[in-house]
Amino acid sequence: MAIVATLDTKAQEADYLCDIIHRSGRETILVDVGTTKTEARPNDMTAGDRVATPAELLQKIAAATRPRIAALHASGVISAVIGVGGGKGSSLFGEVVADLPYGFPKLLISSARPALLAELAAKSDIIIYPTVVDLFGVNGFTGRILENAGQAIAAMHYTPPPVRRSTKIVAITAFGVTTPAASGCVARLSKAGIEAIVFPANGAGGRKMEALVARGEFDAVLDLTTTELADEVVGGTASAGPDRLKAAGSRPVPQLIAPGAVDMVNFGPPSTVPDRFKGRQFYSHTPYTTLMRTTASENQEIGRLTAERLSQAEGPCLVLWPARGVSDYDREGGIFHDPMADAAWLSAVKCELPTKIECRELDCHINDPEFADTAVAWIVSQLQGKPHANAHV
């Protein structure tokens, strides 16, 4: 397994990890991402040429090391990777393991600030082990962390999935307020012999789904919950970025799109809501999550953006509209019930969507069984007779 570390500052910790892993019966290779040359070691890989500024240097190291890590995995040399570092080393670790497949063991021991660790967790399936104390050699505190992490990574193994699967797989997006819809779709797909993988529509979930769809992991996408677009448009905390709703159309694989939870924008505790939204309609979903109801003008822009991105789709696509509400809070008597605001989304979609893409309206709530029935029936009809996707992992 690979040990990624800045050996100019974390050599003691890297050596300690080597010893722990060797005692567990596994072999190691050290990958130096340090910014200063170190004494050569038989199994070390160094970043190569140095450049002038710190920013350029980090970019150079990441660009040189990332393909080397990917090549070690592709050739079967490594079956896991562990990193140890502070802020600089942790940031580099996130970059150099970015091409490794989902499920490949990646463990990071880090003393970096929580915000950086949260950013890494939002982008990858890295297992993060915060040290709390700083990393200045091996002592009574850091030694405990290194011992646990070394034994943990030594026990991990990776078995690649088959290139061709025996079961078709559909990606689904869900939020707490669309859970009944997602659960209904998962159950119906299971009865049809199709596996469903559910992603939380919280920003990180949408980004990861798009990345995995682009890599060929899924045969279809049942995008029930496109609330991340609301955060992108309005400025909430759960945006999945500008690539949301693009991967499925470029593969292309069948995709069904619904306006799940576009009635809300996400923020943290009430104190974190920007002042510009003063006077808006809010609901405290949890002590740590404040939801804001979207307006008609915001929904119009969300719908326009949805149609714009779907218009580039090369594969089968269906937009499914639930006329009686788009979330558990958006139903008759609900705190976010606003049919006119919702209708602005539908109007914009119908106006901007190309004629090749159908927009079908249902007289039901998104969480009603009828919606799941219709959505799954369309997905199953699209997958019948089609070969399984190739998993590019």
Protein backbone atom coordinates (compact mmCIF):
# COMPACT_ATOMS: atom_id res chain seq x y z
CA MET A 1 0.00 0.00 0.00
CA ALA A 2 1.07 3.55 -0.67
CA ILE A 3 1.95 5.99 2.10
CA VAL A 4 1.60 9.58 0.87
CA ALA A 5 3.39 12.16 3.01
CA THR A 6 5.43 15.33 2.92
CA LEU A 7 8.66 13.61 3.91
CA ASP A 8 10.40 16.92 4.56
CA THR A 9 8.09 17.44 7.55
CA LYS A 10 6.34 14.11 8.23
CA ALA A 11 9.13 11.54 7.77
CA GLN A 12 8.89 10.29 11.37
CA GLU A 13 5.18 9.72 11.07
CA ALA A 14 5.57 8.00 7.68
CA ASP A 15 8.30 5.69 9.04
CA TYR A 16 6.12 4.84 12.02
CA LEU A 17 3.23 3.95 9.70
CA CYS A 18 5.57 1.78 7.62
CA ASP A 19 6.55 -0.21 10.69
CA ILE A 20 2.92 -0.68 11.79
CA ILE A 21 1.81 -1.81 8.35
CA HIS A 22 4.80 -4.15 7.94
CA ARG A 23 4.02 -5.77 11.29
CA SER A 24 0.54 -6.44 9.91
CA GLY A 25 2.02 -8.38 7.01
CA ARG A 26 1.57 -5.76 4.28
CA GLU A 27 4.18 -4.08 2.09
CA THR A 28 4.49 -0.31 1.59
CA ILE A 29 5.76 2.23 -0.88
CA LEU A 30 6.48 5.80 0.20
CA VAL A 31 5.23 8.61 -2.02
CA ASP A 32 6.91 11.90 -1.23
CA VAL A 33 4.79 15.01 -1.83
CA GLY A 34 7.09 17.28 0.15
CA THR A 35 8.30 20.64 -1.10
CA THR A 36 11.92 20.07 -0.06
CA LYS A 37 14.20 17.28 -1.25
CA THR A 38 14.79 14.50 1.28
CA GLU A 39 17.32 11.72 1.63
CA ALA A 40 16.62 9.11 -1.06
CA ARG A 41 14.95 5.88 0.01
CA PRO A 42 14.73 2.68 -2.05
CA ASN A 43 10.95 2.72 -2.43
CA ASP A 44 10.44 6.48 -2.53
CA MET A 45 8.85 8.37 -5.42
CA THR A 46 9.61 12.10 -5.60
CA ALA A 47 7.68 14.87 -7.28
CA GLY A 48 10.41 15.87 -9.70
CA ASP A 49 11.29 19.40 -10.73
CA ARG A 50 10.74 22.26 -8.31
CA VAL A 51 9.21 25.60 -9.25
CA ALA A 52 9.42 29.10 -7.86
CA THR A 53 6.29 29.95 -5.86
CA PRO A 54 4.58 27.83 -3.19
CA ALA A 55 1.32 27.71 -5.15
CA GLU A 56 3.08 26.64 -8.34
CA LEU A 57 5.07 24.09 -6.39
CA LEU A 58 1.98 22.45 -4.89
CA GLN A 59 0.31 22.35 -8.31
CA LYS A 60 3.43 20.81 -9.83
CA ILE A 61 3.65 18.13 -7.14
CA ALA A 62 -0.03 17.26 -7.43
CA ALA A 63 0.10 17.11 -11.22
CA ALA A 64 3.15 14.83 -11.14
CA THR A 65 1.96 12.53 -8.37
CA ARG A 66 -1.69 12.03 -9.32
CA PRO A 67 -1.00 9.96 -12.47
CA ARG A 68 1.67 7.97 -10.64
CA ILE A 69 -0.78 6.93 -7.93
CA ALA A 70 -3.35 6.05 -10.58
CA ALA A 71 -0.73 3.98 -12.44
CA LEU A 72 0.21 2.10 -9.26
CA HIS A 73 -3.43 1.18 -8.81
CA ALA A 74 -3.97 0.28 -12.46
CA SER A 75 -0.94 -2.02 -12.45
CA GLY A 76 -2.07 -3.74 -9.26
CA VAL A 77 0.95 -2.61 -7.23
CA ILE A 78 -1.15 -0.99 -4.50
CA SER A 79 -4.44 -2.05 -2.92
CA ALA A 80 -4.84 0.88 -0.51
CA VAL A 81 -3.41 4.33 0.17
CA ILE A 82 -2.88 6.23 3.41
CA GLY A 83 -1.81 9.83 3.85
CA VAL A 84 -0.47 11.80 6.80
CA GLY A 85 -0.19 15.56 6.79
CA GLY A 86 -1.15 18.99 7.94
CA GLY A 87 -2.93 21.51 5.76
CA LYS A 88 -0.56 21.32 2.80
CA GLY A 89 -0.16 17.55 2.92
CA SER A 90 -3.89 16.96 3.34
CA SER A 91 -4.72 19.18 0.38
CA LEU A 92 -2.18 17.35 -1.76
CA PHE A 93 -3.52 13.96 -0.65
CA GLY A 94 -6.99 14.94 -1.86
CA GLU A 95 -5.56 15.83 -5.25
CA VAL A 96 -3.32 12.81 -5.77
CA VAL A 97 -5.98 10.20 -4.94
CA ALA A 98 -8.69 11.87 -7.03
CA ASP A 99 -8.45 9.32 -9.87
CA LEU A 100 -8.77 6.27 -7.63
CA PRO A 101 -12.13 4.49 -7.89
CA TYR A 102 -14.98 4.69 -5.45
CA GLY A 103 -14.45 2.12 -2.70
CA PHE A 104 -10.67 1.96 -3.10
CA PRO A 105 -9.34 2.35 0.49
CA LYS A 106 -8.13 5.92 1.03
CA LEU A 107 -7.36 6.99 4.59
CA LEU A 108 -6.03 10.40 5.62
CA ILE A 109 -4.50 11.18 9.02
CA SER A 110 -4.70 14.95 9.27
CA SER A 111 -4.17 17.89 11.58
CA ALA A 112 -5.64 20.30 9.00
CA ARG A 113 -8.39 22.76 9.82
CA PRO A 114 -11.93 21.30 9.91
CA ALA A 115 -13.06 23.37 6.91
CA LEU A 116 -10.43 21.74 4.69
CA LEU A 117 -11.33 18.26 5.93
CA ALA A 118 -15.00 18.99 5.26
CA GLU A 119 -14.11 20.07 1.73
CA LEU A 120 -12.18 16.83 1.14
CA ALA A 121 -15.06 14.77 2.52
CA ALA A 122 -17.44 16.52 0.13
CA LYS A 123 -15.40 15.52 -2.91
CA SER A 124 -14.34 11.94 -2.26
CA ASP A 125 -14.87 8.81 -0.18
CA ILE A 126 -11.65 9.48 1.75
CA ILE A 127 -11.75 8.14 5.31
CA ILE A 128 -10.63 11.08 7.43
CA TYR A 129 -8.93 10.58 10.79
CA PRO A 130 -8.44 13.99 12.48
CA THR A 131 -5.56 14.06 14.96
CA VAL A 132 -6.87 17.05 16.98
CA VAL A 133 -3.28 17.64 18.15
CA ASP A 134 -0.70 18.87 15.67
CA LEU A 135 1.68 16.49 13.93
CA PHE A 136 5.18 17.20 15.23
CA GLY A 137 6.73 13.76 15.23
CA VAL A 138 5.60 10.63 17.06
CA ASN A 139 4.61 11.07 20.69
CA GLY A 140 2.20 9.62 23.21
CA PHE A 141 -0.77 11.23 21.48
CA THR A 142 0.06 11.03 17.77
CA GLY A 143 1.40 7.51 18.24
CA ARG A 144 -2.07 6.30 19.25
CA ILE A 145 -3.61 7.80 16.12
CA LEU A 146 -0.91 6.41 13.83
CA GLU A 147 -1.17 2.94 15.40
CA ASN A 148 -4.94 2.80 14.91
CA ALA A 149 -4.82 4.18 11.39
CA GLY A 150 -1.96 1.91 10.32
CA GLN A 151 -3.72 -1.21 11.56
CA ALA A 152 -6.98 -0.07 9.98
CA ILE A 153 -5.52 0.50 6.50
CA ALA A 154 -3.55 -2.76 6.74
CA ALA A 155 -6.86 -4.61 7.20
CA MET A 156 -8.47 -3.01 4.14
CA HIS A 157 -8.56 -4.60 0.69
CA TYR A 158 -10.07 -3.62 -2.63
CA THR A 159 -11.86 -5.93 -5.02
CA PRO A 160 -12.68 -4.25 -8.33
CA PRO A 161 -16.26 -4.67 -9.53
CA PRO A 162 -16.75 -6.68 -12.73
CA VAL A 163 -16.49 -4.74 -15.96
CA ARG A 164 -19.87 -6.12 -16.96
CA ARG A 165 -22.45 -6.47 -14.23
CA SER A 166 -25.22 -9.00 -13.98
CA THR A 167 -27.61 -6.42 -12.51
CA LYS A 168 -28.53 -3.02 -13.86
CA ILE A 169 -28.04 -0.10 -11.51
CA VAL A 170 -29.97 3.17 -11.26
CA ALA A 171 -28.83 6.29 -9.42
CA ILE A 172 -31.51 8.10 -7.39
CA THR A 173 -31.37 11.46 -5.60
CA ALA A 174 -33.19 11.96 -2.29
CA PHE A 175 -33.66 14.42 0.54
CA GLY A 176 -35.47 13.94 3.84
CA VAL A 177 -38.54 15.65 2.37
CA THR A 178 -38.57 13.31 -0.67
CA THR A 179 -37.72 10.11 1.19
CA PRO A 180 -41.12 8.46 0.57
CA ALA A 181 -40.69 8.97 -3.18
CA ALA A 182 -37.15 7.59 -3.15
CA SER A 183 -38.13 4.63 -0.97
CA GLY A 184 -41.04 3.82 -3.27
CA CYS A 185 -38.79 3.91 -6.31
CA VAL A 186 -36.12 1.72 -4.66
CA ALA A 187 -38.75 -0.91 -3.76
CA ARG A 188 -40.30 -0.92 -7.23
CA LEU A 189 -36.92 -1.14 -8.95
CA SER A 190 -35.95 -4.02 -6.69
CA LYS A 191 -39.07 -5.93 -7.75
CA ALA A 192 -37.97 -5.39 -11.35
CA GLY A 193 -34.52 -6.85 -10.57
CA ILE A 194 -32.78 -3.47 -10.73
CA GLU A 195 -30.44 -2.19 -8.04
CA ALA A 196 -30.84 1.41 -6.81
CA ILE A 197 -28.07 3.56 -5.34
CA VAL A 198 -29.41 6.62 -3.48
CA PHE A 199 -27.45 9.87 -3.21
CA PRO A 200 -28.34 12.61 -0.71
CA ALA A 201 -29.07 15.83 -2.61
CA ASN A 202 -26.89 17.87 -0.25
CA GLY A 203 -24.28 19.22 -2.64
CA ALA A 204 -21.62 16.59 -2.02
CA GLY A 205 -24.06 13.83 -2.98
CA GLY A 206 -24.98 15.45 -6.27
CA ARG A 207 -21.36 16.08 -7.19
CA LYS A 208 -20.40 12.49 -6.47
CA MET A 209 -23.36 11.12 -8.40
CA GLU A 210 -22.47 13.21 -11.45
CA ALA A 211 -18.86 12.00 -11.27
CA LEU A 212 -19.88 8.34 -11.01
CA VAL A 213 -22.44 8.67 -13.81
CA ALA A 214 -19.70 10.17 -16.00
CA ARG A 215 -17.49 7.14 -15.24
CA GLY A 216 -20.16 4.73 -16.44
CA GLU A 217 -21.24 3.33 -13.07
CA PHE A 218 -24.99 3.57 -13.76
CA ASP A 219 -27.43 2.39 -16.39
CA ALA A 220 -29.95 5.16 -15.71
CA VAL A 221 -30.57 8.15 -13.44
CA LEU A 222 -33.82 8.74 -11.55
CA ASP A 223 -33.17 12.32 -10.47
CA LEU A 224 -36.10 12.83 -8.11
CA THR A 225 -34.52 15.56 -6.02
CA THR A 226 -32.97 18.47 -7.91
CA THR A 227 -32.97 20.82 -4.91
CA GLU A 228 -29.23 21.42 -5.33
CA LEU A 229 -30.09 23.67 -8.26
CA ALA A 230 -32.11 25.88 -5.90
CA ASP A 231 -29.01 26.34 -3.76
CA GLU A 232 -26.91 27.03 -6.84
CA VAL A 233 -29.31 29.71 -8.11
CA VAL A 234 -30.24 31.36 -4.82
CA GLY A 235 -26.98 30.96 -2.91
CA GLY A 236 -27.59 28.23 -0.35
CA THR A 237 -25.13 25.79 1.19
CA ALA A 238 -26.12 22.65 -0.74
CA SER A 239 -25.15 23.55 -4.29
CA ALA A 240 -23.60 20.72 -6.32
CA GLY A 241 -21.90 23.19 -8.66
CA PRO A 242 -22.17 23.95 -12.36
CA ASP A 243 -21.90 20.33 -13.55
CA ARG A 244 -25.16 19.20 -11.98
CA LEU A 245 -27.59 17.62 -14.52
CA LYS A 246 -24.89 17.18 -17.15
CA ALA A 247 -23.28 13.75 -16.80
CA ALA A 248 -26.26 11.54 -17.71
CA GLY A 249 -26.93 13.48 -20.88
CA SER A 250 -23.34 13.25 -22.04
CA ARG A 251 -22.93 9.50 -21.45
CA PRO A 252 -25.76 9.16 -22.61
CA VAL A 253 -28.00 7.14 -20.25
CA PRO A 254 -31.77 7.45 -19.65
CA GLN A 255 -32.60 10.10 -17.08
CA LEU A 256 -35.83 11.11 -15.39
CA ILE A 257 -35.90 14.56 -13.81
CA ALA A 258 -38.31 15.75 -11.11
CA PRO A 259 -38.42 19.02 -9.11
CA GLY A 260 -37.96 17.33 -5.74
CA ALA A 261 -37.44 19.91 -2.96
CA VAL A 262 -36.92 22.87 -5.30
CA ASP A 263 -39.23 24.68 -2.89
CA MET A 264 -36.34 25.16 -0.48
CA VAL A 265 -32.83 26.53 -0.10
CA ASN A 266 -30.46 25.25 2.59
CA PHE A 267 -28.56 27.19 5.22
CA GLY A 268 -26.96 26.32 8.55
CA PRO A 269 -28.21 27.59 11.91
CA PRO A 270 -30.40 30.73 11.72
CA SER A 271 -27.42 32.95 12.54
CA THR A 272 -25.71 31.87 9.31
CA VAL A 273 -28.49 33.03 6.96
CA PRO A 274 -27.24 36.05 4.94
CA ASP A 275 -28.81 39.39 5.83
CA ARG A 276 -30.09 39.86 2.28
CA PHE A 277 -32.75 37.20 2.96
CA LYS A 278 -34.22 39.01 5.95
CA GLY A 279 -38.01 38.79 5.96
CA ARG A 280 -38.20 35.59 3.90
CA GLN A 281 -40.10 32.46 4.93
CA PHE A 282 -37.91 30.06 6.95
CA TYR A 283 -38.30 26.75 8.69
CA SER A 284 -35.89 25.19 11.19
CA HIS A 285 -35.52 21.65 9.85
CA THR A 286 -32.97 20.85 12.58
CA PRO A 287 -30.93 23.08 14.94
CA TYR A 288 -28.22 22.97 12.27
CA THR A 289 -30.34 23.30 9.12
CA THR A 290 -32.50 26.29 8.21
CA LEU A 291 -34.67 26.00 5.12
CA MET A 292 -35.87 29.01 3.12
CA ARG A 293 -38.89 28.85 0.80
CA THR A 294 -38.09 29.70 -2.81
CA THR A 295 -40.06 32.43 -4.56
CA ALA A 296 -41.79 32.28 -7.94
CA SER A 297 -39.00 34.26 -9.60
CA GLU A 298 -36.35 31.97 -8.12
CA ASN A 299 -38.27 28.87 -9.21
CA GLN A 300 -38.54 30.31 -12.68
CA GLU A 301 -34.76 30.64 -12.86
CA ILE A 302 -34.28 27.13 -11.41
CA GLY A 303 -36.64 25.77 -14.07
CA ARG A 304 -34.86 27.67 -16.81
CA LEU A 305 -31.49 26.32 -15.68
CA THR A 306 -32.92 22.79 -15.51
CA ALA A 307 -34.20 23.01 -19.10
CA GLU A 308 -30.97 24.58 -20.33
CA ARG A 309 -28.84 21.72 -19.02
CA LEU A 310 -31.25 19.01 -20.11
CA SER A 311 -31.36 20.45 -23.61
CA GLN A 312 -27.83 19.13 -24.13
CA ALA A 313 -28.82 15.56 -23.28
CA GLU A 314 -28.06 13.02 -25.99
CA GLY A 315 -30.00 10.13 -24.43
CA PRO A 316 -33.63 9.53 -23.42
CA CYS A 317 -34.97 12.10 -20.98
CA LEU A 318 -38.30 12.68 -19.24
CA VAL A 319 -39.33 15.53 -16.93
CA LEU A 320 -42.02 14.44 -14.46
CA TRP A 321 -44.07 17.11 -12.71
CA PRO A 322 -46.05 16.45 -9.47
CA ALA A 323 -48.85 19.04 -9.45
CA ARG A 324 -49.72 18.62 -5.76
CA GLY A 325 -46.32 19.43 -4.29
CA VAL A 326 -42.58 18.87 -4.62
CA SER A 327 -41.63 18.08 -1.02
CA ASP A 328 -43.09 16.88 2.26
CA TYR A 329 -43.39 20.54 3.35
CA ASP A 330 -45.03 21.54 0.08
CA ARG A 331 -48.51 20.05 0.27
CA GLU A 332 -51.91 21.41 1.17
CA GLY A 333 -51.64 22.74 4.71
CA GLY A 334 -47.85 22.44 4.65
CA ILE A 335 -45.49 25.19 5.73
CA PHE A 336 -44.05 25.67 2.21
CA HIS A 337 -47.25 25.07 0.22
CA ASP A 338 -47.23 27.60 -2.63
CA PRO A 339 -48.70 26.26 -5.90
CA MET A 340 -48.06 29.52 -7.76
CA ALA A 341 -44.36 29.52 -6.88
CA ASP A 342 -44.08 25.87 -7.90
CA ALA A 343 -45.88 26.56 -11.18
CA ALA A 344 -43.17 29.06 -12.12
CA TRP A 345 -40.70 26.15 -12.30
CA LEU A 346 -43.00 24.18 -14.59
CA SER A 347 -43.72 27.17 -16.81
CA ALA A 348 -40.01 27.90 -17.33
CA VAL A 349 -39.21 24.26 -18.04
CA LYS A 350 -41.99 23.93 -20.62
CA CYS A 351 -40.96 27.18 -22.26
CA GLU A 352 -37.24 26.37 -22.52
CA LEU A 353 -37.22 22.58 -22.91
CA PRO A 354 -36.60 21.33 -26.48
CA THR A 355 -39.45 19.43 -28.12
CA LYS A 356 -37.42 16.20 -28.14
CA ILE A 357 -37.80 16.00 -24.32
CA GLU A 358 -41.22 15.20 -22.87
CA CYS A 359 -42.55 17.05 -19.82
CA ARG A 360 -45.31 14.94 -18.27
CA GLU A 361 -47.65 16.32 -15.60
CA LEU A 362 -49.17 14.14 -12.86
CA ASP A 363 -52.04 15.16 -10.58
CA CYS A 364 -50.36 13.87 -7.44
CA HIS A 365 -47.75 14.76 -4.81
CA ILE A 366 -44.14 13.74 -5.40
CA ASN A 367 -44.34 11.40 -2.39
CA ASP A 368 -47.54 9.69 -3.57
CA PRO A 369 -47.30 6.08 -4.82
CA GLU A 370 -48.57 7.16 -8.25
CA PHE A 371 -45.46 9.25 -8.78
CA ALA A 372 -43.09 6.37 -7.96
CA ASP A 373 -45.16 4.04 -10.15
CA THR A 374 -44.86 6.35 -13.16
CA ALA A 375 -41.18 7.14 -12.64
CA VAL A 376 -40.09 3.53 -12.26
CA ALA A 377 -42.27 2.33 -15.15
CA TRP A 378 -40.50 4.79 -17.46
CA ILE A 379 -37.02 3.84 -16.21
CA VAL A 380 -37.74 0.11 -16.59
CA SER A 381 -39.10 0.63 -20.10
CA GLN A 382 -35.90 2.46 -21.06
CA LEU A 383 -33.65 -0.27 -19.65
CA GLN A 384 -35.43 -3.23 -21.21
CA GLY A 385 -33.26 -4.81 -23.86
CA LYS A 386 -30.35 -2.45 -23.25
CA PRO A 387 -26.88 -3.81 -22.37
CA HIS A 388 -25.42 -3.09 -18.96
CA ALA A 389 -23.19 -0.08 -18.57
CA ASN A 390 -19.45 -0.60 -18.49
CA ALA A 391 -17.96 0.40 -15.18
CA HIS A 392 -14.83 2.47 -15.86
CA VAL A 393 -13.08 1.87 -12.58
